[in-house]
C-alpha atoms as a PDB file:
ATOM      1  CA  MET A   1       9.229 -34.529 -20.760  1.00  0.00           C
ATOM      2  CA  ALA A   2       6.945 -33.036 -22.807  1.00  0.00           C
ATOM      3  CA  TYR A   3       6.580 -30.482 -20.188  1.00  0.00           C
ATOM      4  CA  LEU A   4      10.214 -29.300 -20.378  1.00  0.00           C
ATOM      5  CA  MET A   5       9.815 -27.477 -23.947  1.00  0.00           C
ATOM      6  CA  TYR A   6       7.427 -24.688 -22.223  1.00  0.00           C
ATOM      7  CA  ILE A   7       9.916 -23.652 -19.751  1.00  0.00           C
ATOM      8  CA  SER A   8      11.238 -20.830 -21.897  1.00  0.00           C
ATOM      9  CA  PHE A   9       8.085 -19.460 -21.392  1.00  0.00           C
ATOM     10  CA  ILE A  10       7.930 -18.561 -18.159  1.00  0.00           C
ATOM     11  CA  ARG A  11       8.444 -15.055 -16.433  1.00  0.00           C
ATOM     12  CA  PHE A  12      10.980 -15.762 -14.062  1.00  0.00           C
ATOM     13  CA  ASP A  13      12.423 -11.912 -13.773  1.00  0.00           C
ATOM     14  CA  TYR A  14       8.524 -11.112 -12.796  1.00  0.00           C
ATOM     15  CA  SER A  15       7.231 -11.536  -9.124  1.00  0.00           C
ATOM     16  CA  ILE A  16       4.155  -9.869  -7.971  1.00  0.00           C
ATOM     17  CA  PHE A  17       5.989  -8.775  -4.497  1.00  0.00           C
ATOM     18  CA  ASN A  18       7.996  -6.266  -6.452  1.00  0.00           C
ATOM     19  CA  TYR A  19       7.464  -2.864  -5.043  1.00  0.00           C
ATOM     20  CA  ASN A  20       6.489  -0.166  -7.548  1.00  0.00           C
ATOM     21  CA  ASN A  21       4.900   2.793  -5.618  1.00  0.00           C
ATOM     22  CA  THR A  22       2.567   3.366  -8.898  1.00  0.00           C
ATOM     23  CA  LEU A  23       1.097   0.319  -8.001  1.00  0.00           C
ATOM     24  CA  CYS A  24       0.320   1.206  -4.490  1.00  0.00           C
ATOM     25  CA  PHE A  25       0.252   3.473  -1.344  1.00  0.00           C
ATOM     26  CA  VAL A  26       1.907   3.582   1.236  1.00  0.00           C
ATOM     27  CA  ILE A  27       0.041   4.086   4.614  1.00  0.00           C
ATOM     28  CA  ILE A  28       2.642   6.177   7.317  1.00  0.00           C
ATOM     29  CA  ASP A  29       1.508   6.627  10.654  1.00  0.00           C
ATOM     30  CA  VAL A  30       2.732  10.345  12.169  1.00  0.00           C
ATOM     31  CA  THR A  31       1.071   9.713  15.357  1.00  0.00           C
ATOM     32  CA  GLY A  32       3.155  11.628  18.029  1.00  0.00           C
ATOM     33  CA  GLY A  33       5.914  12.825  15.611  1.00  0.00           C
ATOM     34  CA  LYS A  34       7.067   9.399  14.430  1.00  0.00           C
ATOM     35  CA  ASN A  35       7.000   8.369  10.540  1.00  0.00           C
ATOM     36  CA  VAL A  36       6.201   4.839  10.539  1.00  0.00           C
ATOM     37  CA  VAL A  37       5.033   2.562   7.975  1.00  0.00           C
ATOM     38  CA  ILE A  38       2.386   0.295   8.827  1.00  0.00           C
ATOM     39  CA  GLY A  39       0.875  -0.567   5.346  1.00  0.00           C
ATOM     40  CA  GLU A  40       0.787  -0.685   1.607  1.00  0.00           C
ATOM     41  CA  MET A  41      -3.164  -0.545  -0.553  1.00  0.00           C
ATOM     42  CA  ASP A  42      -3.026  -1.024  -3.743  1.00  0.00           C
ATOM     43  CA  ARG A  43      -3.912   2.239  -6.022  1.00  0.00           C
ATOM     44  CA  PRO A  44      -7.562   0.759  -7.162  1.00  0.00           C
ATOM     45  CA  SER A  45      -8.458   0.255  -3.778  1.00  0.00           C
ATOM     46  CA  ALA A  46      -7.223   2.943  -2.475  1.00  0.00           C
ATOM     47  CA  LYS A  47      -9.444   5.195  -4.680  1.00  0.00           C
ATOM     48  CA  GLU A  48     -12.275   4.073  -2.941  1.00  0.00           C
ATOM     49  CA  LEU A  49     -11.264   3.082   0.772  1.00  0.00           C
ATOM     50  CA  ILE A  50      -8.855   6.078   1.300  1.00  0.00           C
ATOM     51  CA  PHE A  51      -9.320   9.573   1.362  1.00  0.00           C
ATOM     52  CA  GLU A  52      -8.908  13.160   3.737  1.00  0.00           C
ATOM     53  CA  ASN A  53     -10.512  12.258   7.008  1.00  0.00           C
ATOM     54  CA  ALA A  54     -11.565   8.519   6.008  1.00  0.00           C
ATOM     55  CA  VAL A  55     -10.964   5.953   8.990  1.00  0.00           C
ATOM     56  CA  TYR A  56      -8.134   3.584   8.386  1.00  0.00           C
ATOM     57  CA  ILE A  57      -8.293   0.388  10.434  1.00  0.00           C
ATOM     58  CA  HIS A  58      -4.955  -1.497  10.911  1.00  0.00           C
ATOM     59  CA  ARG A  59      -4.599  -4.510  13.406  1.00  0.00           C
ATOM     60  CA  GLY A  60      -7.659  -3.390  15.335  1.00  0.00           C
ATOM     61  CA  ARG A  61      -6.371   0.225  15.524  1.00  0.00           C
ATOM     62  CA  GLN A  62      -8.152   2.974  14.268  1.00  0.00           C
ATOM     63  CA  TYR A  63      -6.319   5.473  12.227  1.00  0.00           C
ATOM     64  CA  MET A  64      -7.777   8.960  10.743  1.00  0.00           C
ATOM     65  CA  VAL A  65      -6.395   9.686   7.444  1.00  0.00           C
ATOM     66  CA  GLU A  66      -4.766  13.302   7.650  1.00  0.00           C
ATOM     67  CA  LEU A  67      -2.965  13.759   4.357  1.00  0.00           C
ATOM     68  CA  LEU A  68      -3.259  11.665   1.065  1.00  0.00           C
ATOM     69  CA  ASP A  69      -0.312  12.724  -1.107  1.00  0.00           C
ATOM     70  CA  ILE A  70      -1.429  10.946  -4.463  1.00  0.00           C
ATOM     71  CA  GLU A  71       1.858  12.535  -6.836  1.00  0.00           C
ATOM     72  CA  ASN A  72       4.245  10.307  -4.214  1.00  0.00           C
ATOM     73  CA  SER A  73       1.607   7.200  -3.321  1.00  0.00           C
ATOM     74  CA  LYS A  74       1.750   7.976  -0.018  1.00  0.00           C
ATOM     75  CA  CYS A  75      -1.038   8.205   2.698  1.00  0.00           C
ATOM     76  CA  PHE A  76      -0.646   9.654   6.300  1.00  0.00           C
ATOM     77  CA  VAL A  77      -2.517   8.865   9.414  1.00  0.00           C
ATOM     78  CA  ARG A  78      -2.794   9.785  12.641  1.00  0.00           C
ATOM     79  CA  ASP A  79      -4.005   7.618  15.942  1.00  0.00           C
ATOM     80  CA  SER A  80      -7.584   8.541  16.432  1.00  0.00           C
ATOM     81  CA  ARG A  81      -7.570   7.482  20.263  1.00  0.00           C
END
């Protein structure tokens, strides 16, 4: 019963799955005029892995980064095939 006295310290209102555009970039596929979200990347990783003309690999497909919108946390990619 001693463990129940610590339950008040657990934060139930916080989740690591809460979406916040300041925490991650949305990867948007614009191939053929479509705008489909194909992935997300956390901001620290995006600083090193996503930049214009970079190759982004998603589910075995290669995409070329066309535009990186830092203010809106969006990355626009096009299928490189």
